[in-house]
């Protein structure tokens, strides 16, 4: 029966280098940090962004008010159906004063047509308040961005560590070659001597 050949763990000189062992250990450590930390970082960043956006939702919902305004003139000049363009509108605020502003309306609307607009606490036309759906999108976007950044940092750290260790290996190889090169010089080979042996007498 054929005999099994067992290779000793320390037989390969490459396995005995400290840099190789450190690199393998460090890569395992980075992988553990990535696997355990990625969900935590993504959820934490996403939840923080969502809560911040929800506070904005509550503030804007209280501060902004939707009113019905009327066009001060016919809206002309449009060429595409459903496309909006700026036009002047007027409305009456809560105190009974007339106000005017610029809003986006569909082209072709006649003068005095009703247009719903949002106004802020100062009575100026503004965007509609943020809603919960937009807050959720913000949370998911921030969480996904945080996860992507962490993965990128993982690969950058691995690459930088490998580069640093390779430079150290090259320096070590150069130092070792400086010791071995004289044994392989033409003078040593030309007189019949094998590297590392004394000539026979």
N, C-alpha and C. Protein backbone atom coordinates (compact mmCIF):
# COMPACT_ATOMS: atom_id res chain seq x y z
N UNK A 1 0.85 -1.20 0.00
CA UNK A 1 0.00 0.00 0.00
C UNK A 1 0.88 1.24 0.00
N UNK A 2 0.47 2.25 -0.76
CA UNK A 2 1.29 3.47 -0.80
C UNK A 2 1.28 4.16 0.55
N UNK A 3 2.41 4.66 0.91
CA UNK A 3 2.53 5.36 2.19
C UNK A 3 2.12 6.81 2.02
N UNK A 4 1.45 7.32 3.04
CA UNK A 4 1.04 8.72 3.02
C UNK A 4 2.22 9.60 3.41
N UNK A 5 2.37 10.65 2.66
CA UNK A 5 3.46 11.57 2.93
C UNK A 5 2.90 12.78 3.67
N UNK A 6 3.44 13.05 4.83
CA UNK A 6 2.99 14.19 5.63
C UNK A 6 4.02 15.30 5.50
N UNK A 7 3.53 16.48 5.13
CA UNK A 7 4.41 17.64 5.00
C UNK A 7 4.42 18.39 6.32
N UNK A 8 5.59 18.57 6.85
CA UNK A 8 5.70 19.29 8.10
C UNK A 8 5.26 20.73 7.91
N UNK A 9 4.61 21.27 8.93
CA UNK A 9 4.08 22.63 8.82
C UNK A 9 5.18 23.65 8.64
N UNK A 10 6.33 23.42 9.23
CA UNK A 10 7.42 24.38 9.14
C UNK A 10 8.39 24.08 8.03
N UNK A 11 8.06 23.10 7.14
CA UNK A 11 9.00 22.73 6.10
C UNK A 11 9.13 23.82 5.05
N UNK A 12 8.05 24.53 4.76
CA UNK A 12 8.09 25.60 3.76
C UNK A 12 8.61 26.87 4.41
N UNK A 13 9.71 27.43 3.91
CA UNK A 13 10.24 28.65 4.53
C UNK A 13 9.26 29.81 4.50
N UNK A 14 8.36 29.83 3.49
CA UNK A 14 7.41 30.93 3.41
C UNK A 14 6.44 30.93 4.59
N UNK A 15 6.16 29.71 5.11
CA UNK A 15 5.23 29.63 6.24
C UNK A 15 5.86 30.09 7.54
N UNK A 16 7.19 30.23 7.55
CA UNK A 16 7.86 30.61 8.78
C UNK A 16 8.06 32.12 8.87
N UNK A 17 7.72 32.85 7.80
CA UNK A 17 7.92 34.29 7.85
C UNK A 17 6.88 34.93 8.77
N UNK A 18 7.34 35.81 9.60
CA UNK A 18 6.42 36.49 10.51
C UNK A 18 5.42 37.35 9.76
N UNK A 19 5.87 37.97 8.67
CA UNK A 19 4.98 38.86 7.92
C UNK A 19 3.79 38.10 7.34
N UNK A 20 4.03 36.84 6.89
CA UNK A 20 2.92 36.05 6.35
C UNK A 20 1.92 35.69 7.44
N UNK A 21 2.45 35.31 8.59
CA UNK A 21 1.55 34.98 9.69
C UNK A 21 0.76 36.19 10.16
N UNK A 22 1.44 37.34 10.24
CA UNK A 22 0.73 38.55 10.66
C UNK A 22 -0.32 38.95 9.64
N UNK A 23 0.00 38.82 8.35
CA UNK A 23 -0.96 39.19 7.31
C UNK A 23 -2.20 38.31 7.38
N UNK A 24 -2.01 37.02 7.54
CA UNK A 24 -3.15 36.11 7.63
C UNK A 24 -4.00 36.42 8.85
N UNK A 25 -3.34 36.69 9.98
CA UNK A 25 -4.08 37.02 11.21
C UNK A 25 -4.84 38.33 11.06
N UNK A 26 -4.20 39.33 10.46
CA UNK A 26 -4.82 40.64 10.32
C UNK A 26 -6.01 40.59 9.36
N UNK A 27 -5.90 39.80 8.30
CA UNK A 27 -7.01 39.67 7.36
C UNK A 27 -8.20 38.99 8.02
N UNK A 28 -7.95 37.99 8.84
CA UNK A 28 -9.05 37.36 9.58
C UNK A 28 -9.71 38.35 10.53
N UNK A 29 -8.88 39.16 11.19
CA UNK A 29 -9.43 40.16 12.11
C UNK A 29 -10.29 41.17 11.37
N UNK A 30 -9.82 41.65 10.21
CA UNK A 30 -10.60 42.60 9.42
C UNK A 30 -11.92 41.99 8.97
N UNK A 31 -11.89 40.72 8.58
CA UNK A 31 -13.12 40.06 8.13
C UNK A 31 -14.13 39.96 9.26
N UNK A 32 -13.65 39.63 10.46
CA UNK A 32 -14.55 39.54 11.62
C UNK A 32 -15.16 40.90 11.92
N UNK A 33 -14.32 41.94 11.88
CA UNK A 33 -14.83 43.29 12.14
C UNK A 33 -15.87 43.69 11.10
N UNK A 34 -15.62 43.32 9.84
CA UNK A 34 -16.57 43.66 8.77
C UNK A 34 -17.89 42.93 8.96
N UNK A 35 -17.83 41.64 9.23
CA UNK A 35 -19.05 40.84 9.36
C UNK A 35 -19.88 41.29 10.55
N UNK A 36 -19.21 41.57 11.67
CA UNK A 36 -19.94 41.97 12.88
C UNK A 36 -20.32 43.45 12.88
N UNK A 37 -19.46 44.28 12.30
CA UNK A 37 -19.69 45.71 12.38
C UNK A 37 -20.56 46.29 11.29
N UNK A 38 -20.60 45.62 10.12
CA UNK A 38 -21.36 46.17 9.00
C UNK A 38 -22.84 46.36 9.32
N UNK A 39 -23.54 45.36 9.87
CA UNK A 39 -24.96 45.59 10.19
C UNK A 39 -25.16 46.67 11.23
N UNK A 40 -24.26 46.73 12.22
CA UNK A 40 -24.40 47.73 13.28
C UNK A 40 -24.23 49.13 12.73
N UNK A 41 -23.20 49.33 11.91
CA UNK A 41 -22.94 50.65 11.34
C UNK A 41 -24.07 51.08 10.42
N UNK A 42 -24.52 50.18 9.55
CA UNK A 42 -25.58 50.52 8.60
C UNK A 42 -26.89 50.86 9.32
N UNK A 43 -27.27 50.03 10.30
CA UNK A 43 -28.52 50.27 11.02
C UNK A 43 -28.44 51.54 11.86
N UNK A 44 -27.30 51.75 12.51
CA UNK A 44 -27.16 52.94 13.35
C UNK A 44 -27.22 54.21 12.52
N UNK A 45 -26.49 54.24 11.41
CA UNK A 45 -26.50 55.44 10.56
C UNK A 45 -27.87 55.66 9.94
N UNK A 46 -28.49 54.58 9.46
CA UNK A 46 -29.81 54.71 8.85
C UNK A 46 -30.86 55.17 9.83
N UNK A 47 -30.83 54.62 11.05
CA UNK A 47 -31.82 55.00 12.06
C UNK A 47 -31.63 56.45 12.49
N UNK A 48 -30.37 56.87 12.63
CA UNK A 48 -30.11 58.27 13.00
C UNK A 48 -30.62 59.23 11.94
N UNK A 49 -30.38 58.90 10.67
CA UNK A 49 -30.86 59.75 9.58
C UNK A 49 -32.38 59.77 9.52
N UNK A 50 -33.00 58.61 9.75
CA UNK A 50 -34.47 58.54 9.73
C UNK A 50 -35.08 59.39 10.84
N UNK A 51 -34.53 59.28 12.05
CA UNK A 51 -35.06 60.07 13.17
C UNK A 51 -34.88 61.56 12.92
N UNK A 52 -33.74 61.95 12.35
CA UNK A 52 -33.52 63.35 12.04
C UNK A 52 -34.51 63.85 10.99
N UNK A 53 -34.76 63.03 9.97
CA UNK A 53 -35.71 63.41 8.93
C UNK A 53 -37.13 63.48 9.47
N UNK A 54 -37.47 62.60 10.40
CA UNK A 54 -38.81 62.63 10.98
C UNK A 54 -39.02 63.88 11.82
N UNK A 55 -37.97 64.36 12.48
CA UNK A 55 -38.09 65.63 13.20
C UNK A 55 -38.37 66.77 12.22
N UNK A 56 -37.70 66.71 11.06
CA UNK A 56 -37.97 67.71 10.02
C UNK A 56 -39.40 67.61 9.52
N UNK A 57 -39.90 66.38 9.38
CA UNK A 57 -41.29 66.18 8.95
C UNK A 57 -42.25 66.85 9.92
N UNK A 58 -42.05 66.63 11.22
CA UNK A 58 -42.95 67.20 12.22
C UNK A 58 -42.89 68.73 12.21
N UNK A 59 -41.68 69.28 12.10
CA UNK A 59 -41.53 70.74 12.11
C UNK A 59 -42.18 71.36 10.88
N UNK A 60 -41.91 70.80 9.71
CA UNK A 60 -42.46 71.37 8.48
C UNK A 60 -43.98 71.20 8.42
N UNK A 61 -44.49 70.10 8.96
CA UNK A 61 -45.94 69.90 8.95
C UNK A 61 -46.64 70.97 9.78
N UNK A 62 -46.00 71.39 10.86
CA UNK A 62 -46.60 72.43 11.72
C UNK A 62 -46.43 73.81 11.09
N UNK A 63 -45.26 74.08 10.52
CA UNK A 63 -44.95 75.43 10.03
C UNK A 63 -45.56 75.74 8.67
N UNK A 64 -45.76 74.74 7.84
CA UNK A 64 -46.22 74.99 6.47
C UNK A 64 -47.72 74.73 6.34
N UNK A 65 -48.33 75.53 5.51
CA UNK A 65 -49.79 75.47 5.34
C UNK A 65 -50.12 75.51 3.86
N UNK A 66 -51.08 74.68 3.47
CA UNK A 66 -51.52 74.68 2.07
C UNK A 66 -52.71 75.61 1.92
N UNK A 67 -52.63 76.51 0.94
CA UNK A 67 -53.71 77.45 0.66
C UNK A 67 -54.09 77.36 -0.81
N UNK A 68 -55.24 77.92 -1.13
CA UNK A 68 -55.69 77.95 -2.52
C UNK A 68 -55.46 79.35 -3.08
N UNK A 69 -54.61 79.43 -4.09
CA UNK A 69 -54.31 80.71 -4.74
C UNK A 69 -54.99 80.75 -6.11
N UNK A 70 -54.96 81.93 -6.73
CA UNK A 70 -55.54 82.10 -8.06
C UNK A 70 -54.51 82.75 -8.97
N UNK A 71 -54.55 82.35 -10.24
CA UNK A 71 -53.62 82.92 -11.22
C UNK A 71 -54.00 84.37 -11.51
N UNK A 72 -52.97 85.20 -11.65
CA UNK A 72 -53.22 86.61 -11.97
C UNK A 72 -53.26 86.85 -13.47
N UNK A 73 -52.88 85.85 -14.28
CA UNK A 73 -52.91 86.00 -15.74
C UNK A 73 -52.94 84.62 -16.37
N UNK A 74 -53.25 84.58 -17.67
CA UNK A 74 -53.23 83.31 -18.39
C UNK A 74 -51.81 82.77 -18.47
N UNK A 75 -51.69 81.46 -18.38
CA UNK A 75 -50.38 80.81 -18.47
C UNK A 75 -50.17 80.37 -19.90
N UNK A 76 -49.25 81.00 -20.60
CA UNK A 76 -49.00 80.69 -22.01
C UNK A 76 -47.53 80.37 -22.21
N UNK A 77 -47.23 79.88 -23.41
CA UNK A 77 -45.84 79.63 -23.78
C UNK A 77 -45.40 78.20 -23.66
N UNK A 78 -46.22 77.33 -23.08
CA UNK A 78 -45.83 75.93 -22.94
C UNK A 78 -46.09 75.15 -24.21
N UNK A 79 -45.34 74.07 -24.41
CA UNK A 79 -45.50 73.24 -25.60
C UNK A 79 -45.73 71.77 -25.26
N UNK A 80 -45.44 71.36 -24.04
CA UNK A 80 -45.59 69.96 -23.66
C UNK A 80 -46.72 69.83 -22.64
N UNK A 81 -47.57 68.85 -22.87
CA UNK A 81 -48.71 68.63 -21.98
C UNK A 81 -48.23 68.18 -20.61
N UNK A 82 -48.77 68.79 -19.56
CA UNK A 82 -48.42 68.41 -18.20
C UNK A 82 -47.18 69.08 -17.65
N UNK A 83 -46.45 69.80 -18.51
CA UNK A 83 -45.24 70.46 -18.03
C UNK A 83 -45.60 71.74 -17.29
N UNK A 84 -44.87 72.02 -16.20
CA UNK A 84 -45.17 73.20 -15.40
C UNK A 84 -44.17 74.31 -15.67
N UNK A 85 -44.64 75.54 -15.43
CA UNK A 85 -43.78 76.70 -15.58
C UNK A 85 -44.18 77.73 -14.52
N UNK A 86 -43.27 78.64 -14.17
CA UNK A 86 -43.58 79.62 -13.13
C UNK A 86 -44.61 80.64 -13.59
N UNK A 87 -45.48 80.99 -12.67
CA UNK A 87 -46.51 82.00 -12.94
C UNK A 87 -46.87 82.69 -11.63
N UNK A 88 -47.37 83.91 -11.73
CA UNK A 88 -47.74 84.67 -10.53
C UNK A 88 -49.13 84.28 -10.06
N UNK A 89 -49.25 84.10 -8.74
CA UNK A 89 -50.53 83.77 -8.13
C UNK A 89 -50.77 84.72 -6.96
N UNK A 90 -52.03 84.79 -6.53
CA UNK A 90 -52.37 85.61 -5.36
C UNK A 90 -53.31 84.81 -4.46
N UNK A 91 -53.25 85.12 -3.19
CA UNK A 91 -54.11 84.46 -2.21
C UNK A 91 -54.29 85.37 -1.01
N UNK A 92 -55.20 84.98 -0.14
CA UNK A 92 -55.48 85.74 1.08
C UNK A 92 -54.97 84.94 2.26
N UNK A 93 -54.13 85.58 3.10
CA UNK A 93 -53.57 84.86 4.25
C UNK A 93 -54.57 84.83 5.40
N UNK A 94 -54.17 84.28 6.52
CA UNK A 94 -55.08 84.11 7.66
C UNK A 94 -55.53 85.43 8.26
N UNK A 95 -54.73 86.48 8.06
CA UNK A 95 -55.10 87.79 8.60
C UNK A 95 -55.97 88.59 7.64
N UNK A 96 -56.24 88.03 6.45
CA UNK A 96 -57.09 88.71 5.49
C UNK A 96 -56.33 89.57 4.50
N UNK A 97 -55.01 89.57 4.54
CA UNK A 97 -54.23 90.37 3.61
C UNK A 97 -54.00 89.61 2.31
N UNK A 98 -53.97 90.36 1.20
CA UNK A 98 -53.68 89.75 -0.10
C UNK A 98 -52.17 89.58 -0.26
N UNK A 99 -51.79 88.45 -0.75
CA UNK A 99 -50.37 88.17 -0.99
C UNK A 99 -50.20 87.64 -2.40
N UNK A 100 -49.02 87.84 -2.94
CA UNK A 100 -48.70 87.33 -4.27
C UNK A 100 -47.36 86.59 -4.22
N UNK A 101 -47.18 85.69 -5.16
CA UNK A 101 -45.94 84.93 -5.23
C UNK A 101 -45.86 84.19 -6.55
N UNK A 102 -44.75 83.49 -6.74
CA UNK A 102 -44.52 82.72 -7.96
C UNK A 102 -44.64 81.24 -7.63
N UNK A 103 -45.46 80.54 -8.42
CA UNK A 103 -45.66 79.11 -8.23
C UNK A 103 -45.55 78.40 -9.57
N UNK A 104 -45.25 77.11 -9.53
CA UNK A 104 -45.19 76.31 -10.74
C UNK A 104 -46.59 75.77 -11.05
N UNK A 105 -47.08 76.09 -12.24
CA UNK A 105 -48.42 75.67 -12.65
C UNK A 105 -48.35 75.09 -14.05
N UNK A 106 -49.37 74.34 -14.43
CA UNK A 106 -49.42 73.76 -15.77
C UNK A 106 -49.73 74.85 -16.79
N UNK A 107 -49.08 74.75 -17.94
CA UNK A 107 -49.32 75.76 -18.97
C UNK A 107 -50.73 75.60 -19.54
N UNK A 108 -51.24 76.70 -20.03
CA UNK A 108 -52.58 76.69 -20.60
C UNK A 108 -53.68 77.00 -19.60
N UNK A 109 -53.35 77.16 -18.31
CA UNK A 109 -54.38 77.47 -17.32
C UNK A 109 -54.82 78.92 -17.47
N UNK A 110 -56.11 79.19 -17.33
CA UNK A 110 -56.61 80.56 -17.54
C UNK A 110 -56.43 81.43 -16.31
N UNK A 111 -56.58 82.71 -16.51
CA UNK A 111 -56.52 83.66 -15.41
C UNK A 111 -57.61 83.36 -14.38
N UNK A 112 -57.28 83.53 -13.13
CA UNK A 112 -58.18 83.33 -12.00
C UNK A 112 -58.44 81.85 -11.69
N UNK A 113 -57.69 80.95 -12.35
CA UNK A 113 -57.83 79.52 -12.05
C UNK A 113 -57.23 79.23 -10.67
N UNK A 114 -57.80 78.26 -10.00
CA UNK A 114 -57.35 77.92 -8.65
C UNK A 114 -56.08 77.06 -8.71
N UNK A 115 -55.15 77.40 -7.83
CA UNK A 115 -53.87 76.68 -7.76
C UNK A 115 -53.54 76.43 -6.29
N UNK A 116 -53.39 75.17 -5.86
CA UNK A 116 -52.97 74.91 -4.47
C UNK A 116 -51.48 75.16 -4.31
N UNK A 117 -51.12 75.92 -3.28
CA UNK A 117 -49.71 76.22 -3.00
C UNK A 117 -49.45 76.03 -1.51
N UNK A 118 -48.17 75.81 -1.18
CA UNK A 118 -47.75 75.70 0.22
C UNK A 118 -47.02 76.98 0.60
N UNK A 119 -47.34 77.50 1.80
CA UNK A 119 -46.69 78.71 2.30
C UNK A 119 -46.09 78.41 3.67
N UNK A 120 -45.00 79.13 4.00
CA UNK A 120 -44.36 78.93 5.30
C UNK A 120 -44.91 79.91 6.32
N UNK A 121 -44.27 79.97 7.48
CA UNK A 121 -44.74 80.84 8.55
C UNK A 121 -44.66 82.31 8.21
N UNK A 122 -43.80 82.69 7.26
CA UNK A 122 -43.68 84.08 6.85
C UNK A 122 -44.60 84.43 5.70
N UNK A 123 -45.42 83.48 5.27
CA UNK A 123 -46.34 83.74 4.18
C UNK A 123 -45.71 83.66 2.81
N UNK A 124 -44.58 83.00 2.68
CA UNK A 124 -43.90 82.86 1.39
C UNK A 124 -44.15 81.47 0.82
N UNK A 125 -44.26 81.41 -0.50
CA UNK A 125 -44.48 80.12 -1.16
C UNK A 125 -43.24 79.24 -0.99
N UNK A 126 -43.45 77.99 -0.64
CA UNK A 126 -42.35 77.07 -0.40
C UNK A 126 -42.73 75.68 -0.90
N UNK A 127 -41.83 74.73 -0.71
CA UNK A 127 -42.10 73.36 -1.11
C UNK A 127 -43.05 72.69 -0.12
N UNK A 128 -43.71 71.61 -0.56
CA UNK A 128 -44.54 70.85 0.39
C UNK A 128 -43.67 70.28 1.51
N UNK A 129 -44.23 70.06 2.68
CA UNK A 129 -43.44 69.50 3.78
C UNK A 129 -42.97 68.08 3.47
N UNK A 130 -41.84 67.73 4.03
CA UNK A 130 -41.34 66.37 3.88
C UNK A 130 -42.31 65.39 4.53
N UNK A 131 -42.46 64.22 3.93
CA UNK A 131 -43.36 63.21 4.49
C UNK A 131 -42.56 62.02 5.02
N UNK A 132 -43.27 61.08 5.63
CA UNK A 132 -42.61 59.94 6.25
C UNK A 132 -41.92 59.05 5.22
N UNK A 133 -42.50 58.94 4.04
CA UNK A 133 -41.89 58.12 2.99
C UNK A 133 -40.51 58.67 2.62
N UNK A 134 -40.40 59.99 2.49
CA UNK A 134 -39.11 60.59 2.18
C UNK A 134 -38.12 60.39 3.33
N UNK A 135 -38.62 60.42 4.56
CA UNK A 135 -37.74 60.18 5.71
C UNK A 135 -37.19 58.75 5.68
N UNK A 136 -38.02 57.80 5.29
CA UNK A 136 -37.55 56.42 5.19
C UNK A 136 -36.50 56.28 4.09
N UNK A 137 -36.73 56.95 2.96
CA UNK A 137 -35.74 56.90 1.88
C UNK A 137 -34.41 57.48 2.34
N UNK A 138 -34.46 58.58 3.09
CA UNK A 138 -33.22 59.17 3.60
C UNK A 138 -32.49 58.19 4.51
N UNK A 139 -33.24 57.52 5.38
CA UNK A 139 -32.61 56.56 6.28
C UNK A 139 -31.96 55.41 5.54
N UNK A 140 -32.65 54.89 4.53
CA UNK A 140 -32.09 53.78 3.75
C UNK A 140 -30.86 54.23 2.96
N UNK A 141 -30.93 55.43 2.42
CA UNK A 141 -29.79 55.92 1.63
C UNK A 141 -28.56 56.10 2.52
N UNK A 142 -28.75 56.72 3.67
CA UNK A 142 -27.61 56.94 4.58
C UNK A 142 -27.07 55.62 5.10
N UNK A 143 -27.97 54.69 5.44
CA UNK A 143 -27.51 53.38 5.91
C UNK A 143 -26.74 52.63 4.83
N UNK A 144 -27.24 52.67 3.60
CA UNK A 144 -26.53 52.01 2.50
C UNK A 144 -25.18 52.65 2.22
N UNK A 145 -25.14 53.99 2.31
CA UNK A 145 -23.87 54.69 2.09
C UNK A 145 -22.85 54.33 3.17
N UNK A 146 -23.31 54.24 4.42
CA UNK A 146 -22.40 53.87 5.51
C UNK A 146 -21.86 52.46 5.31
N UNK A 147 -22.72 51.54 4.87
CA UNK A 147 -22.27 50.17 4.63
C UNK A 147 -21.25 50.13 3.49
N UNK A 148 -21.51 50.88 2.43
CA UNK A 148 -20.58 50.92 1.30
C UNK A 148 -19.23 51.49 1.71
N UNK A 149 -19.26 52.55 2.52
CA UNK A 149 -18.01 53.14 2.99
C UNK A 149 -17.21 52.16 3.84
N UNK A 150 -17.90 51.39 4.67
CA UNK A 150 -17.19 50.44 5.52
C UNK A 150 -16.54 49.33 4.69
N UNK A 151 -17.24 48.85 3.67
CA UNK A 151 -16.66 47.83 2.80
C UNK A 151 -15.45 48.39 2.05
N UNK A 152 -15.57 49.64 1.59
CA UNK A 152 -14.44 50.27 0.89
C UNK A 152 -13.24 50.41 1.82
N UNK A 153 -13.48 50.81 3.07
CA UNK A 153 -12.39 50.94 4.04
C UNK A 153 -11.76 49.58 4.33
N UNK A 154 -12.56 48.53 4.31
CA UNK A 154 -12.04 47.18 4.53
C UNK A 154 -11.01 46.82 3.45
N UNK A 155 -11.37 47.04 2.19
CA UNK A 155 -10.46 46.69 1.10
C UNK A 155 -9.25 47.62 1.05
N UNK A 156 -9.45 48.89 1.37
CA UNK A 156 -8.32 49.82 1.37
C UNK A 156 -7.33 49.45 2.47
N UNK A 157 -7.84 49.08 3.64
CA UNK A 157 -6.96 48.68 4.74
C UNK A 157 -6.19 47.42 4.39
N UNK A 158 -6.86 46.46 3.76
CA UNK A 158 -6.18 45.24 3.34
C UNK A 158 -5.07 45.55 2.33
N UNK A 159 -5.39 46.41 1.37
CA UNK A 159 -4.40 46.74 0.34
C UNK A 159 -3.20 47.48 0.93
N UNK A 160 -3.47 48.42 1.83
CA UNK A 160 -2.37 49.17 2.45
C UNK A 160 -1.49 48.27 3.31
N UNK A 161 -2.14 47.36 4.03
CA UNK A 161 -1.36 46.42 4.86
C UNK A 161 -0.50 45.52 3.99
N UNK A 162 -1.07 45.04 2.89
CA UNK A 162 -0.29 44.18 1.99
C UNK A 162 0.88 44.95 1.38
N UNK A 163 0.65 46.19 1.01
CA UNK A 163 1.72 47.00 0.43
C UNK A 163 2.84 47.23 1.43
N UNK A 164 2.47 47.53 2.67
CA UNK A 164 3.48 47.76 3.70
C UNK A 164 4.30 46.50 3.96
N UNK A 165 3.62 45.35 4.04
CA UNK A 165 4.33 44.10 4.29
C UNK A 165 5.19 43.70 3.10
N UNK A 166 4.71 43.96 1.88
CA UNK A 166 5.52 43.64 0.70
C UNK A 166 6.80 44.46 0.67
N UNK A 167 6.71 45.72 1.05
CA UNK A 167 7.92 46.53 1.09
C UNK A 167 8.92 45.97 2.10
N UNK A 168 8.39 45.51 3.22
CA UNK A 168 9.27 44.92 4.23
C UNK A 168 9.88 43.62 3.72
N UNK A 169 9.08 42.82 3.00
CA UNK A 169 9.60 41.57 2.45
C UNK A 169 10.69 41.84 1.42
N UNK A 170 10.44 42.82 0.55
CA UNK A 170 11.45 43.13 -0.47
C UNK A 170 12.76 43.58 0.17
N UNK A 171 12.65 44.38 1.22
CA UNK A 171 13.86 44.82 1.92
C UNK A 171 14.59 43.64 2.55
N UNK A 172 13.82 42.70 3.09
CA UNK A 172 14.43 41.51 3.70
C UNK A 172 15.08 40.64 2.63
N UNK A 173 14.40 40.50 1.49
CA UNK A 173 14.98 39.69 0.41
C UNK A 173 16.27 40.33 -0.12
N UNK A 174 16.28 41.65 -0.23
CA UNK A 174 17.49 42.33 -0.69
C UNK A 174 18.65 42.09 0.28
N UNK A 175 18.35 42.15 1.57
CA UNK A 175 19.40 41.92 2.56
C UNK A 175 19.91 40.48 2.49
N UNK A 176 19.00 39.53 2.31
CA UNK A 176 19.42 38.13 2.21
C UNK A 176 20.21 37.88 0.92
N UNK A 177 19.80 38.55 -0.16
CA UNK A 177 20.51 38.36 -1.42
C UNK A 177 21.93 38.93 -1.35
N UNK A 178 22.11 40.00 -0.60
CA UNK A 178 23.45 40.55 -0.43
C UNK A 178 24.37 39.54 0.24
N UNK A 179 23.80 38.67 1.08
CA UNK A 179 24.61 37.65 1.73
C UNK A 179 24.85 36.44 0.83
N UNK A 180 23.88 36.13 -0.03
CA UNK A 180 23.98 34.92 -0.86
C UNK A 180 24.69 35.19 -2.18
N UNK A 181 24.58 36.40 -2.68
CA UNK A 181 25.12 36.71 -4.02
C UNK A 181 26.59 36.38 -4.18
N UNK A 182 27.47 36.66 -3.19
CA UNK A 182 28.88 36.32 -3.39
C UNK A 182 29.12 34.83 -3.63
N UNK A 183 28.26 33.97 -3.08
CA UNK A 183 28.43 32.53 -3.28
C UNK A 183 28.07 32.11 -4.70
N UNK A 184 27.27 32.95 -5.39
CA UNK A 184 26.86 32.64 -6.76
C UNK A 184 27.60 33.49 -7.79
N UNK A 185 28.62 34.18 -7.37
CA UNK A 185 29.36 35.05 -8.29
C UNK A 185 30.14 34.21 -9.29
N UNK A 186 30.50 34.77 -10.47
CA UNK A 186 31.26 34.00 -11.49
C UNK A 186 32.57 33.44 -10.96
N UNK A 187 33.21 34.14 -10.03
CA UNK A 187 34.48 33.64 -9.50
C UNK A 187 34.28 32.35 -8.73
N UNK A 188 33.19 32.27 -7.97
CA UNK A 188 32.93 31.06 -7.20
C UNK A 188 32.52 29.91 -8.09
N UNK A 189 31.72 30.21 -9.13
CA UNK A 189 31.25 29.15 -10.02
C UNK A 189 32.36 28.70 -10.96
N UNK A 190 33.25 29.63 -11.38
CA UNK A 190 34.28 29.30 -12.36
C UNK A 190 35.34 28.37 -11.84
N UNK A 191 35.64 28.35 -10.56
CA UNK A 191 36.69 27.47 -10.04
C UNK A 191 36.17 26.10 -9.64
N UNK A 192 34.91 25.80 -10.05
CA UNK A 192 34.38 24.47 -9.81
C UNK A 192 33.74 24.28 -8.47
N UNK A 193 33.65 25.34 -7.70
CA UNK A 193 33.06 25.20 -6.38
C UNK A 193 31.55 25.37 -6.46
N UNK A 194 30.84 24.62 -5.69
CA UNK A 194 29.40 24.79 -5.58
C UNK A 194 29.13 25.79 -4.47
N UNK A 195 28.10 26.56 -4.62
CA UNK A 195 27.81 27.56 -3.59
C UNK A 195 27.63 26.92 -2.23
N UNK A 196 28.33 27.49 -1.27
CA UNK A 196 28.16 27.02 0.09
C UNK A 196 29.11 25.90 0.46
N UNK A 197 30.03 25.46 -0.45
CA UNK A 197 30.95 24.37 -0.14
C UNK A 197 32.39 24.83 -0.33
N UNK A 198 33.27 24.25 0.44
CA UNK A 198 34.69 24.52 0.30
C UNK A 198 35.25 23.66 -0.83
N UNK A 199 36.24 24.13 -1.58
CA UNK A 199 36.84 23.32 -2.65
C UNK A 199 37.52 22.08 -2.08
N UNK A 200 37.45 20.98 -2.84
CA UNK A 200 38.06 19.72 -2.41
C UNK A 200 39.57 19.80 -2.57
N UNK A 201 40.28 19.24 -1.60
CA UNK A 201 41.74 19.24 -1.63
C UNK A 201 42.25 17.82 -1.85
